[in-house]
Amino acid sequence: MRSQKKGIPMELEFPTQKKLHLVVGDITSLAVDAIVNAANETLLGGGGVDGAIHRAAGPELLAECRLLGGCETGEAKSTRGYKLPARYVIHTVGPIWCGGSWGEADRLRSCYESCFKEALRLQCDSIAFPAISTGAYGYPLKEACKIALTAAFQICCQKELLYPKEIYLVCFNSQALDAYNEVLDEGLEVPLA
């Protein structure tokens, strides 16, 4: 199920014919059905991944985001991709890390669940996620990677063909990839729906 060579992105294949890819790179360059934007509540752009997506998509993205009325933490809303290779951008607002006792894990899980529901609604075969909340929002990388992997595994283990068949977890650097690999090496307990 797991194959990796040093310096080569990892791909996990599941008996359900679904694939999970761990890659280091620029999420704005991926030709997938949808990329996920780790947005702020206004959806009007910001720093990090959010700013990069807005810059790459062009001003039409901001214009459409203005019509959405913002987004609550843990929820997701979608727009067209405009100048991006992705057809859609699914915007989600991750939690700000406040030490871990303010429901951050539940809200981060909700981000992934909301994005997958939106991908299902949009009939996306492929979706790419950044490491939500691990930048300016300060979520500890390894803990965030565990939540992302668990959510992805739950989808990949479902036999239903309605969910995306290919999931990309896009790492902004090799440190993030190392965190995902460390979580995989330790093993995951995946509650199946």
N, C-alpha and C. Protein backbone atom coordinates (compact mmCIF):
# COMPACT_ATOMS: atom_id res chain seq x y z
N MET A 1 0.82 -1.19 0.00
CA MET A 1 0.00 0.00 0.00
C MET A 1 0.86 1.25 0.00
N ARG A 2 2.03 1.24 0.61
CA ARG A 2 2.85 2.43 0.73
C ARG A 2 4.12 2.27 -0.09
N SER A 3 4.41 3.27 -0.91
CA SER A 3 5.64 3.22 -1.69
C SER A 3 6.30 4.58 -1.66
N GLN A 4 7.58 4.59 -1.36
CA GLN A 4 8.31 5.85 -1.34
C GLN A 4 9.78 5.60 -1.59
N LYS A 5 10.38 6.45 -2.37
CA LYS A 5 11.82 6.47 -2.57
C LYS A 5 12.31 7.81 -2.08
N LYS A 6 13.53 7.84 -1.58
CA LYS A 6 14.09 9.08 -1.06
C LYS A 6 14.00 10.19 -2.10
N GLY A 7 13.43 11.33 -1.69
CA GLY A 7 13.33 12.48 -2.57
C GLY A 7 12.15 12.44 -3.54
N ILE A 8 11.36 11.35 -3.54
CA ILE A 8 10.25 11.22 -4.47
C ILE A 8 8.94 11.32 -3.66
N PRO A 9 7.96 12.08 -4.14
CA PRO A 9 6.69 12.17 -3.41
C PRO A 9 6.07 10.78 -3.21
N MET A 10 5.30 10.65 -2.15
CA MET A 10 4.71 9.36 -1.81
C MET A 10 3.30 9.25 -2.37
N GLU A 11 2.96 8.04 -2.75
CA GLU A 11 1.61 7.73 -3.21
C GLU A 11 1.13 6.50 -2.47
N LEU A 12 -0.08 6.58 -1.93
CA LEU A 12 -0.70 5.44 -1.27
C LEU A 12 -1.89 5.01 -2.11
N GLU A 13 -1.95 3.74 -2.43
CA GLU A 13 -3.07 3.20 -3.20
C GLU A 13 -3.94 2.37 -2.27
N PHE A 14 -5.25 2.47 -2.46
CA PHE A 14 -6.21 1.78 -1.61
C PHE A 14 -6.98 0.76 -2.43
N PRO A 15 -7.49 -0.30 -1.79
CA PRO A 15 -8.28 -1.31 -2.49
C PRO A 15 -9.53 -0.72 -3.16
N THR A 16 -9.96 0.47 -2.74
CA THR A 16 -11.14 1.13 -3.29
C THR A 16 -10.83 1.84 -4.61
N GLN A 17 -9.60 1.68 -5.13
CA GLN A 17 -9.15 2.35 -6.35
C GLN A 17 -8.93 3.84 -6.16
N LYS A 18 -8.80 4.26 -4.92
CA LYS A 18 -8.52 5.67 -4.62
C LYS A 18 -7.05 5.82 -4.28
N LYS A 19 -6.53 7.02 -4.48
CA LYS A 19 -5.12 7.28 -4.23
C LYS A 19 -4.94 8.52 -3.37
N LEU A 20 -3.95 8.44 -2.51
CA LEU A 20 -3.55 9.57 -1.67
C LEU A 20 -2.12 9.90 -2.02
N HIS A 21 -1.88 11.15 -2.39
CA HIS A 21 -0.55 11.60 -2.78
C HIS A 21 -0.03 12.60 -1.75
N LEU A 22 1.21 12.41 -1.32
CA LEU A 22 1.90 13.39 -0.48
C LEU A 22 2.97 14.03 -1.36
N VAL A 23 2.85 15.32 -1.58
CA VAL A 23 3.78 16.00 -2.48
C VAL A 23 4.28 17.30 -1.86
N VAL A 24 5.51 17.64 -2.20
CA VAL A 24 6.05 18.94 -1.83
C VAL A 24 5.94 19.83 -3.06
N GLY A 25 5.33 20.98 -2.91
CA GLY A 25 5.20 21.85 -4.07
C GLY A 25 4.25 23.00 -3.86
N ASP A 26 3.91 23.63 -4.96
CA ASP A 26 3.06 24.80 -5.01
C ASP A 26 1.64 24.36 -5.36
N ILE A 27 0.73 24.49 -4.42
CA ILE A 27 -0.65 24.03 -4.63
C ILE A 27 -1.32 24.76 -5.79
N THR A 28 -0.88 25.98 -6.08
CA THR A 28 -1.51 26.75 -7.16
C THR A 28 -1.16 26.21 -8.54
N SER A 29 -0.19 25.32 -8.62
CA SER A 29 0.22 24.79 -9.93
C SER A 29 -0.41 23.44 -10.25
N LEU A 30 -1.19 22.89 -9.34
CA LEU A 30 -1.75 21.55 -9.55
C LEU A 30 -2.99 21.58 -10.45
N ALA A 31 -2.99 20.72 -11.44
CA ALA A 31 -4.14 20.59 -12.34
C ALA A 31 -5.07 19.51 -11.77
N VAL A 32 -5.84 19.91 -10.78
CA VAL A 32 -6.81 19.02 -10.13
C VAL A 32 -8.19 19.68 -10.25
N ASP A 33 -9.22 18.95 -9.89
CA ASP A 33 -10.55 19.54 -9.96
C ASP A 33 -10.71 20.68 -8.96
N ALA A 34 -10.18 20.51 -7.75
CA ALA A 34 -10.31 21.55 -6.73
C ALA A 34 -9.06 21.63 -5.87
N ILE A 35 -8.68 22.85 -5.55
CA ILE A 35 -7.66 23.06 -4.53
C ILE A 35 -8.34 23.71 -3.34
N VAL A 36 -7.83 23.41 -2.16
CA VAL A 36 -8.39 23.97 -0.94
C VAL A 36 -7.56 25.18 -0.54
N ASN A 37 -8.26 26.24 -0.20
CA ASN A 37 -7.63 27.46 0.27
C ASN A 37 -7.78 27.54 1.78
N ALA A 38 -6.67 27.64 2.48
CA ALA A 38 -6.70 27.88 3.93
C ALA A 38 -6.92 29.38 4.12
N ALA A 39 -8.18 29.76 4.15
CA ALA A 39 -8.59 31.17 4.11
C ALA A 39 -8.81 31.74 5.50
N ASN A 40 -9.02 33.04 5.54
CA ASN A 40 -9.49 33.67 6.77
C ASN A 40 -11.00 33.86 6.64
N GLU A 41 -11.66 34.30 7.71
CA GLU A 41 -13.13 34.35 7.72
C GLU A 41 -13.73 35.30 6.69
N THR A 42 -12.97 36.28 6.23
CA THR A 42 -13.51 37.21 5.23
C THR A 42 -13.53 36.62 3.83
N LEU A 43 -12.64 35.67 3.56
CA LEU A 43 -12.42 35.07 2.24
C LEU A 43 -11.87 36.08 1.23
N LEU A 44 -11.34 37.19 1.72
CA LEU A 44 -10.90 38.26 0.83
C LEU A 44 -9.39 38.29 0.63
N GLY A 45 -8.74 37.18 0.89
CA GLY A 45 -7.29 37.10 0.69
C GLY A 45 -6.54 37.39 1.97
N GLY A 46 -5.29 37.02 1.96
CA GLY A 46 -4.44 37.22 3.13
C GLY A 46 -3.03 36.82 2.78
N GLY A 47 -2.33 36.26 3.74
CA GLY A 47 -0.96 35.83 3.52
C GLY A 47 -0.89 34.35 3.23
N GLY A 48 0.31 33.84 3.12
CA GLY A 48 0.55 32.41 2.95
C GLY A 48 -0.16 31.82 1.75
N VAL A 49 -0.74 30.64 1.93
CA VAL A 49 -1.45 29.93 0.86
C VAL A 49 -2.60 30.78 0.33
N ASP A 50 -3.31 31.42 1.22
CA ASP A 50 -4.46 32.25 0.85
C ASP A 50 -4.04 33.33 -0.16
N GLY A 51 -2.99 34.08 0.18
CA GLY A 51 -2.51 35.12 -0.72
C GLY A 51 -2.00 34.57 -2.04
N ALA A 52 -1.30 33.44 -1.97
CA ALA A 52 -0.76 32.82 -3.20
C ALA A 52 -1.89 32.39 -4.13
N ILE A 53 -2.95 31.82 -3.57
CA ILE A 53 -4.09 31.39 -4.40
C ILE A 53 -4.78 32.59 -5.03
N HIS A 54 -4.99 33.63 -4.25
CA HIS A 54 -5.64 34.83 -4.80
C HIS A 54 -4.79 35.46 -5.91
N ARG A 55 -3.48 35.52 -5.70
CA ARG A 55 -2.61 36.10 -6.73
C ARG A 55 -2.63 35.27 -8.01
N ALA A 56 -2.56 33.95 -7.86
CA ALA A 56 -2.52 33.08 -9.03
C ALA A 56 -3.85 33.04 -9.78
N ALA A 57 -4.96 33.13 -9.04
CA ALA A 57 -6.28 33.05 -9.67
C ALA A 57 -6.67 34.34 -10.38
N GLY A 58 -6.16 35.46 -9.90
CA GLY A 58 -6.50 36.75 -10.50
C GLY A 58 -7.63 37.44 -9.76
N PRO A 59 -7.93 38.67 -10.14
CA PRO A 59 -8.90 39.50 -9.42
C PRO A 59 -10.33 38.97 -9.45
N GLU A 60 -10.65 38.12 -10.42
CA GLU A 60 -12.00 37.56 -10.48
C GLU A 60 -12.32 36.72 -9.25
N LEU A 61 -11.30 36.07 -8.69
CA LEU A 61 -11.52 35.26 -7.49
C LEU A 61 -11.97 36.15 -6.33
N LEU A 62 -11.29 37.24 -6.12
CA LEU A 62 -11.67 38.17 -5.06
C LEU A 62 -13.08 38.69 -5.28
N ALA A 63 -13.43 39.02 -6.52
CA ALA A 63 -14.77 39.52 -6.82
C ALA A 63 -15.83 38.49 -6.45
N GLU A 64 -15.59 37.20 -6.77
CA GLU A 64 -16.56 36.16 -6.42
C GLU A 64 -16.60 35.94 -4.90
N CYS A 65 -15.44 35.99 -4.26
CA CYS A 65 -15.40 35.81 -2.80
C CYS A 65 -16.19 36.89 -2.07
N ARG A 66 -16.19 38.10 -2.61
CA ARG A 66 -16.96 39.20 -1.98
C ARG A 66 -18.45 38.87 -1.92
N LEU A 67 -18.92 38.04 -2.84
CA LEU A 67 -20.34 37.69 -2.88
C LEU A 67 -20.72 36.60 -1.89
N LEU A 68 -19.71 35.93 -1.30
CA LEU A 68 -19.99 34.77 -0.43
C LEU A 68 -20.31 35.14 1.02
N GLY A 69 -20.01 36.36 1.41
CA GLY A 69 -20.35 36.78 2.78
C GLY A 69 -19.49 36.15 3.86
N GLY A 70 -18.27 35.80 3.53
CA GLY A 70 -17.37 35.21 4.52
C GLY A 70 -17.65 33.75 4.76
N CYS A 71 -16.95 33.20 5.76
CA CYS A 71 -17.06 31.77 6.06
C CYS A 71 -16.68 31.56 7.52
N GLU A 72 -17.42 30.73 8.20
CA GLU A 72 -17.14 30.42 9.61
C GLU A 72 -16.03 29.39 9.72
N THR A 73 -15.34 29.38 10.83
CA THR A 73 -14.30 28.39 11.09
C THR A 73 -14.89 26.98 11.01
N GLY A 74 -14.20 26.12 10.28
CA GLY A 74 -14.63 24.73 10.13
C GLY A 74 -15.57 24.49 8.97
N GLU A 75 -16.04 25.55 8.32
CA GLU A 75 -16.94 25.40 7.19
C GLU A 75 -16.18 25.58 5.88
N ALA A 76 -16.86 25.38 4.76
CA ALA A 76 -16.22 25.52 3.45
C ALA A 76 -17.20 26.13 2.46
N LYS A 77 -16.67 26.94 1.56
CA LYS A 77 -17.43 27.52 0.45
C LYS A 77 -16.55 27.45 -0.79
N SER A 78 -17.18 27.38 -1.96
CA SER A 78 -16.39 27.20 -3.18
C SER A 78 -16.60 28.34 -4.17
N THR A 79 -15.58 28.49 -5.02
CA THR A 79 -15.61 29.44 -6.12
C THR A 79 -15.00 28.76 -7.34
N ARG A 80 -15.07 29.43 -8.46
CA ARG A 80 -14.35 28.96 -9.64
C ARG A 80 -12.86 29.17 -9.42
N GLY A 81 -12.04 28.52 -10.25
CA GLY A 81 -10.59 28.63 -10.13
C GLY A 81 -9.98 29.76 -10.94
N TYR A 82 -10.71 30.27 -11.90
CA TYR A 82 -10.26 31.36 -12.77
C TYR A 82 -8.93 31.03 -13.45
N LYS A 83 -7.85 31.72 -13.16
CA LYS A 83 -6.58 31.51 -13.87
C LYS A 83 -5.77 30.33 -13.32
N LEU A 84 -6.27 29.68 -12.30
CA LEU A 84 -5.60 28.50 -11.75
C LEU A 84 -5.82 27.29 -12.67
N PRO A 85 -4.92 26.30 -12.64
CA PRO A 85 -5.20 25.06 -13.38
C PRO A 85 -6.36 24.26 -12.77
N ALA A 86 -6.68 24.52 -11.51
CA ALA A 86 -7.80 23.85 -10.84
C ALA A 86 -9.12 24.51 -11.28
N ARG A 87 -10.16 23.68 -11.44
CA ARG A 87 -11.47 24.22 -11.83
C ARG A 87 -12.12 25.00 -10.71
N TYR A 88 -11.89 24.54 -9.46
CA TYR A 88 -12.54 25.17 -8.31
C TYR A 88 -11.52 25.47 -7.21
N VAL A 89 -11.89 26.44 -6.38
CA VAL A 89 -11.20 26.67 -5.12
C VAL A 89 -12.23 26.44 -4.02
N ILE A 90 -11.91 25.56 -3.10
CA ILE A 90 -12.76 25.33 -1.94
C ILE A 90 -12.09 26.05 -0.78
N HIS A 91 -12.75 27.07 -0.27
CA HIS A 91 -12.20 27.90 0.80
C HIS A 91 -12.68 27.35 2.14
N THR A 92 -11.76 27.17 3.06
CA THR A 92 -12.13 26.75 4.41
C THR A 92 -11.33 27.57 5.41
N VAL A 93 -11.91 27.77 6.57
CA VAL A 93 -11.27 28.58 7.61
C VAL A 93 -10.88 27.65 8.75
N GLY A 94 -9.58 27.48 8.92
CA GLY A 94 -9.08 26.64 9.99
C GLY A 94 -9.05 27.38 11.31
N PRO A 95 -8.90 26.63 12.39
CA PRO A 95 -8.86 27.25 13.71
C PRO A 95 -7.50 27.87 14.01
N ILE A 96 -7.51 28.91 14.80
CA ILE A 96 -6.28 29.50 15.33
C ILE A 96 -5.89 28.66 16.55
N TRP A 97 -4.63 28.24 16.62
CA TRP A 97 -4.16 27.42 17.73
C TRP A 97 -4.09 28.26 19.00
N CYS A 98 -4.79 27.80 20.02
CA CYS A 98 -4.81 28.49 21.32
C CYS A 98 -4.40 27.54 22.44
N GLY A 99 -3.55 26.56 22.12
CA GLY A 99 -3.09 25.63 23.13
C GLY A 99 -3.73 24.26 23.07
N GLY A 100 -4.80 24.11 22.32
CA GLY A 100 -5.39 22.80 22.13
C GLY A 100 -6.61 22.49 22.98
N SER A 101 -6.97 23.37 23.88
CA SER A 101 -8.12 23.08 24.76
C SER A 101 -9.36 23.90 24.40
N TRP A 102 -9.37 24.47 23.21
CA TRP A 102 -10.49 25.31 22.78
C TRP A 102 -11.21 24.70 21.58
N GLY A 103 -11.14 23.39 21.44
CA GLY A 103 -11.85 22.71 20.36
C GLY A 103 -11.18 22.81 19.01
N GLU A 104 -9.88 23.13 19.01
CA GLU A 104 -9.17 23.30 17.74
C GLU A 104 -9.19 22.04 16.89
N ALA A 105 -8.98 20.88 17.50
CA ALA A 105 -8.94 19.62 16.74
C ALA A 105 -10.28 19.35 16.07
N ASP A 106 -11.37 19.54 16.79
CA ASP A 106 -12.70 19.31 16.21
C ASP A 106 -12.95 20.27 15.05
N ARG A 107 -12.52 21.51 15.20
CA ARG A 107 -12.75 22.49 14.14
C ARG A 107 -11.87 22.20 12.91
N LEU A 108 -10.65 21.71 13.15
CA LEU A 108 -9.80 21.36 12.02
C LEU A 108 -10.36 20.14 11.29
N ARG A 109 -10.83 19.14 12.04
CA ARG A 109 -11.49 17.98 11.41
C ARG A 109 -12.68 18.44 10.57
N SER A 110 -13.43 19.39 11.10
CA SER A 110 -14.59 19.91 10.40
C SER A 110 -14.20 20.58 9.08
N CYS A 111 -13.04 21.22 9.04
CA CYS A 111 -12.55 21.81 7.79
C CYS A 111 -12.44 20.75 6.70
N TYR A 112 -11.79 19.64 7.04
CA TYR A 112 -11.60 18.58 6.05
C TYR A 112 -12.93 17.96 5.65
N GLU A 113 -13.79 17.69 6.63
CA GLU A 113 -15.10 17.10 6.33
C GLU A 113 -15.92 18.04 5.44
N SER A 114 -15.91 19.33 5.74
CA SER A 114 -16.66 20.31 4.95
C SER A 114 -16.12 20.40 3.53
N CYS A 115 -14.81 20.34 3.39
CA CYS A 115 -14.20 20.39 2.05
C CYS A 115 -14.56 19.15 1.23
N PHE A 116 -14.54 17.98 1.87
CA PHE A 116 -14.93 16.77 1.15
C PHE A 116 -16.40 16.81 0.74
N LYS A 117 -17.26 17.34 1.60
CA LYS A 117 -18.68 17.47 1.23
C LYS A 117 -18.85 18.42 0.05
N GLU A 118 -18.09 19.51 0.06
CA GLU A 118 -18.17 20.45 -1.05
C GLU A 118 -17.61 19.83 -2.33
N ALA A 119 -16.55 19.05 -2.22
CA ALA A 119 -16.00 18.34 -3.39
C ALA A 119 -17.01 17.35 -3.95
N LEU A 120 -17.74 16.69 -3.08
CA LEU A 120 -18.79 15.77 -3.51
C LEU A 120 -19.88 16.54 -4.26
N ARG A 121 -20.30 17.67 -3.70
CA ARG A 121 -21.33 18.50 -4.34
C ARG A 121 -20.88 18.96 -5.73
N LEU A 122 -19.61 19.29 -5.86
CA LEU A 122 -19.06 19.77 -7.13
C LEU A 122 -18.66 18.63 -8.08
N GLN A 123 -18.80 17.39 -7.62
CA GLN A 123 -18.45 16.19 -8.38
C GLN A 123 -16.97 16.19 -8.80
N CYS A 124 -16.12 16.50 -7.84
CA CYS A 124 -14.67 16.54 -8.08
C CYS A 124 -14.08 15.13 -7.98
N ASP A 125 -13.28 14.77 -8.95
CA ASP A 125 -12.54 13.51 -8.90
C ASP A 125 -11.22 13.66 -8.17
N SER A 126 -10.71 14.89 -8.10
CA SER A 126 -9.42 15.11 -7.43
C SER A 126 -9.47 16.41 -6.64
N ILE A 127 -8.76 16.40 -5.51
CA ILE A 127 -8.74 17.55 -4.62
C ILE A 127 -7.36 17.64 -3.97
N ALA A 128 -6.89 18.86 -3.76
CA ALA A 128 -5.58 19.09 -3.14
C ALA A 128 -5.74 19.99 -1.92
N PHE A 129 -5.14 19.57 -0.82
CA PHE A 129 -5.20 20.31 0.44
C PHE A 129 -3.83 20.85 0.82
N PRO A 130 -3.77 22.08 1.33
CA PRO A 130 -2.55 22.53 2.02
C PRO A 130 -2.62 22.01 3.46
N ALA A 131 -1.61 22.28 4.24
CA ALA A 131 -1.64 21.91 5.66
C ALA A 131 -2.39 23.03 6.40
N ILE A 132 -3.71 22.88 6.48
CA ILE A 132 -4.60 23.91 7.01
C ILE A 132 -4.21 24.28 8.44
N SER A 133 -4.17 25.57 8.69
CA SER A 133 -3.93 26.19 10.01
C SER A 133 -2.50 26.10 10.52
N THR A 134 -1.57 25.53 9.75
CA THR A 134 -0.21 25.34 10.26
C THR A 134 0.71 26.53 10.01
N GLY A 135 0.24 27.52 9.29
CA GLY A 135 1.05 28.72 9.03
C GLY A 135 0.83 29.75 10.12
N ALA A 136 0.27 30.87 9.73
CA ALA A 136 0.05 31.99 10.66
C ALA A 136 -0.87 31.62 11.83
N TYR A 137 -1.73 30.61 11.65
CA TYR A 137 -2.65 30.22 12.72
C TYR A 137 -2.00 29.33 13.77
N GLY A 138 -0.76 28.90 13.52
CA GLY A 138 0.06 28.27 14.55
C GLY A 138 -0.28 26.87 14.98
N TYR A 139 -1.09 26.14 14.23
CA TYR A 139 -1.44 24.78 14.62
C TYR A 139 -0.18 23.92 14.53
N PRO A 140 0.14 23.14 15.56
CA PRO A 140 1.33 22.28 15.51
C PRO A 140 1.28 21.33 14.31
N LEU A 141 2.36 21.31 13.55
CA LEU A 141 2.39 20.62 12.26
C LEU A 141 2.05 19.15 12.37
N LYS A 142 2.67 18.43 13.27
CA LYS A 142 2.44 16.99 13.35
C LYS A 142 0.99 16.68 13.71
N GLU A 143 0.42 17.43 14.65
CA GLU A 143 -0.97 17.19 15.04
C GLU A 143 -1.92 17.49 13.89
N ALA A 144 -1.62 18.56 13.12
CA ALA A 144 -2.45 18.90 11.97
C ALA A 144 -2.34 17.82 10.89
N CYS A 145 -1.14 17.30 10.69
CA CYS A 145 -0.93 16.25 9.69
C CYS A 145 -1.71 14.99 10.05
N LYS A 146 -1.78 14.68 11.33
CA LYS A 146 -2.53 13.50 11.76
C LYS A 146 -4.02 13.66 11.44
N ILE A 147 -4.56 14.84 11.68
CA ILE A 147 -5.97 15.08 11.37
C ILE A 147 -6.21 15.01 9.86
N ALA A 148 -5.31 15.61 9.08
CA ALA A 148 -5.45 15.58 7.62
C ALA A 148 -5.38 14.15 7.09
N LEU A 149 -4.43 13.38 7.56
CA LEU A 149 -4.29 12.00 7.10
C LEU A 149 -5.49 11.14 7.49
N THR A 150 -5.97 11.32 8.70
CA THR A 150 -7.13 10.55 9.15
C THR A 150 -8.34 10.85 8.27
N ALA A 151 -8.57 12.13 7.98
CA ALA A 151 -9.70 12.52 7.13
C ALA A 151 -9.54 11.94 5.73
N ALA A 152 -8.34 12.01 5.19
CA ALA A 152 -8.08 11.48 3.84
C ALA A 152 -8.25 9.96 3.81
N PHE A 153 -7.74 9.28 4.82
CA PHE A 153 -7.88 7.81 4.88
C PHE A 153 -9.35 7.41 4.95
N GLN A 154 -10.15 8.15 5.70
CA GLN A 154 -11.57 7.82 5.81
C GLN A 154 -12.24 7.86 4.44
N ILE A 155 -11.90 8.87 3.64
CA ILE A 155 -12.47 8.97 2.30
C ILE A 155 -11.92 7.87 1.40
N CYS A 156 -10.62 7.64 1.47
CA CYS A 156 -10.00 6.63 0.60
C CYS A 156 -10.46 5.21 0.90
N CYS A 157 -10.89 4.96 2.11
CA CYS A 157 -11.34 3.62 2.49
C CYS A 157 -12.81 3.38 2.16
N GLN A 158 -13.54 4.43 1.81
CA GLN A 158 -14.95 4.26 1.46
C GLN A 158 -15.07 3.75 0.04
N LYS A 159 -15.94 2.79 -0.15
CA LYS A 159 -16.11 2.19 -1.47
C LYS A 159 -16.95 3.04 -2.40
N GLU A 160 -17.68 4.00 -1.84
CA GLU A 160 -18.55 4.84 -2.67
C GLU A 160 -17.71 5.60 -3.69
N LEU A 161 -18.17 5.63 -4.90
CA LEU A 161 -17.44 6.30 -5.97
C LEU A 161 -17.70 7.80 -6.01
N LEU A 162 -18.55 8.30 -5.13
CA LEU A 162 -18.93 9.70 -5.18
C LEU A 162 -17.85 10.64 -4.67
N TYR A 163 -17.00 10.16 -3.80
CA TYR A 163 -15.98 11.03 -3.23
C TYR A 163 -14.81 11.17 -4.21
N PRO A 164 -13.94 12.14 -4.02
CA PRO A 164 -12.77 12.25 -4.91
C PRO A 164 -11.97 10.95 -4.93
N LYS A 165 -11.50 10.60 -6.11
CA LYS A 165 -10.70 9.39 -6.27
C LYS A 165 -9.23 9.65 -5.98
N GLU A 166 -8.82 10.91 -6.10
CA GLU A 166 -7.43 11.27 -5.83
C GLU A 166 -7.38 12.45 -4.88
N ILE A 167 -6.62 12.26 -3.80
CA ILE A 167 -6.46 13.29 -2.79
C ILE A 167 -4.97 13.63 -2.70
N TYR A 168 -4.68 14.90 -2.78
CA TYR A 168 -3.31 15.38 -2.66
C TYR A 168 -3.18 16.17 -1.36
N LEU A 169 -2.20 15.79 -0.55
CA LEU A 169 -1.83 16.58 0.62
C LEU A 169 -0.53 17.27 0.23
N VAL A 170 -0.62 18.57 0.04
CA VAL A 170 0.49 19.34 -0.52
C VAL A 170 1.29 19.98 0.61
N CYS A 171 2.56 19.66 0.63
CA CYS A 171 3.47 20.15 1.66
C CYS A 171 4.20 21.38 1.15
N PHE A 172 4.30 22.39 1.97
CA PHE A 172 4.98 23.61 1.56
C PHE A 172 6.49 23.47 1.63
N ASN A 173 6.97 22.46 2.35
CA ASN A 173 8.42 22.20 2.40
C ASN A 173 8.65 20.75 2.85
N SER A 174 9.92 20.34 2.87
CA SER A 174 10.23 18.96 3.24
C SER A 174 9.94 18.68 4.71
N GLN A 175 9.95 19.71 5.55
CA GLN A 175 9.62 19.52 6.96
C GLN A 175 8.17 19.04 7.11
N ALA A 176 7.28 19.60 6.31
CA ALA A 176 5.88 19.17 6.36
C ALA A 176 5.75 17.72 5.88
N LEU A 177 6.46 17.37 4.81
CA LEU A 177 6.44 15.99 4.32
C LEU A 177 6.97 15.04 5.39
N ASP A 178 8.02 15.45 6.07
CA ASP A 178 8.57 14.62 7.16
C ASP A 178 7.54 14.41 8.25
N ALA A 179 6.75 15.45 8.56
CA ALA A 179 5.72 15.32 9.60
C ALA A 179 4.65 14.33 9.18
N TYR A 180 4.22 14.38 7.92
CA TYR A 180 3.24 13.40 7.43
C TYR A 180 3.82 11.98 7.51
N ASN A 181 5.06 11.83 7.09
CA ASN A 181 5.69 10.50 7.13
C ASN A 181 5.85 9.99 8.55
N GLU A 182 6.16 10.89 9.47
CA GLU A 182 6.29 10.48 10.88
C GLU A 182 4.95 9.97 11.41
N VAL A 183 3.87 10.65 11.07
CA VAL A 183 2.54 10.19 11.49
C VAL A 183 2.23 8.83 10.88
N LEU A 184 2.55 8.65 9.60
CA LEU A 184 2.30 7.35 8.96
C LEU A 184 3.15 6.25 9.58
N ASP A 185 4.40 6.56 9.92
CA ASP A 185 5.27 5.56 10.55
C ASP A 185 4.74 5.13 11.91
N GLU A 186 4.11 6.06 12.63
CA GLU A 186 3.57 5.74 13.95
C GLU A 186 2.25 4.99 13.85
N GLY A 187 1.58 5.08 12.70
CA GLY A 187 0.30 4.38 12.49
C GLY A 187 -0.88 5.26 12.81
N LEU A 188 -1.97 5.02 12.11
CA LEU A 188 -3.20 5.77 12.29
C LEU A 188 -4.32 4.82 12.69
N GLU A 189 -5.16 5.29 13.59
CA GLU A 189 -6.40 4.58 13.88
C GLU A 189 -7.49 5.36 13.17
N VAL A 190 -8.03 4.77 12.11
CA VAL A 190 -8.99 5.48 11.29
C VAL A 190 -10.39 4.95 11.55
N PRO A 191 -11.25 5.78 12.20
CA PRO A 191 -12.64 5.35 12.39
C PRO A 191 -13.37 5.44 11.06
N LEU A 192 -13.87 4.33 10.57
CA LEU A 192 -14.56 4.34 9.28
C LEU A 192 -16.04 4.63 9.48
N ALA A 193 -16.57 5.47 8.57
CA ALA A 193 -17.96 5.87 8.67
C ALA A 193 -18.88 4.74 8.27
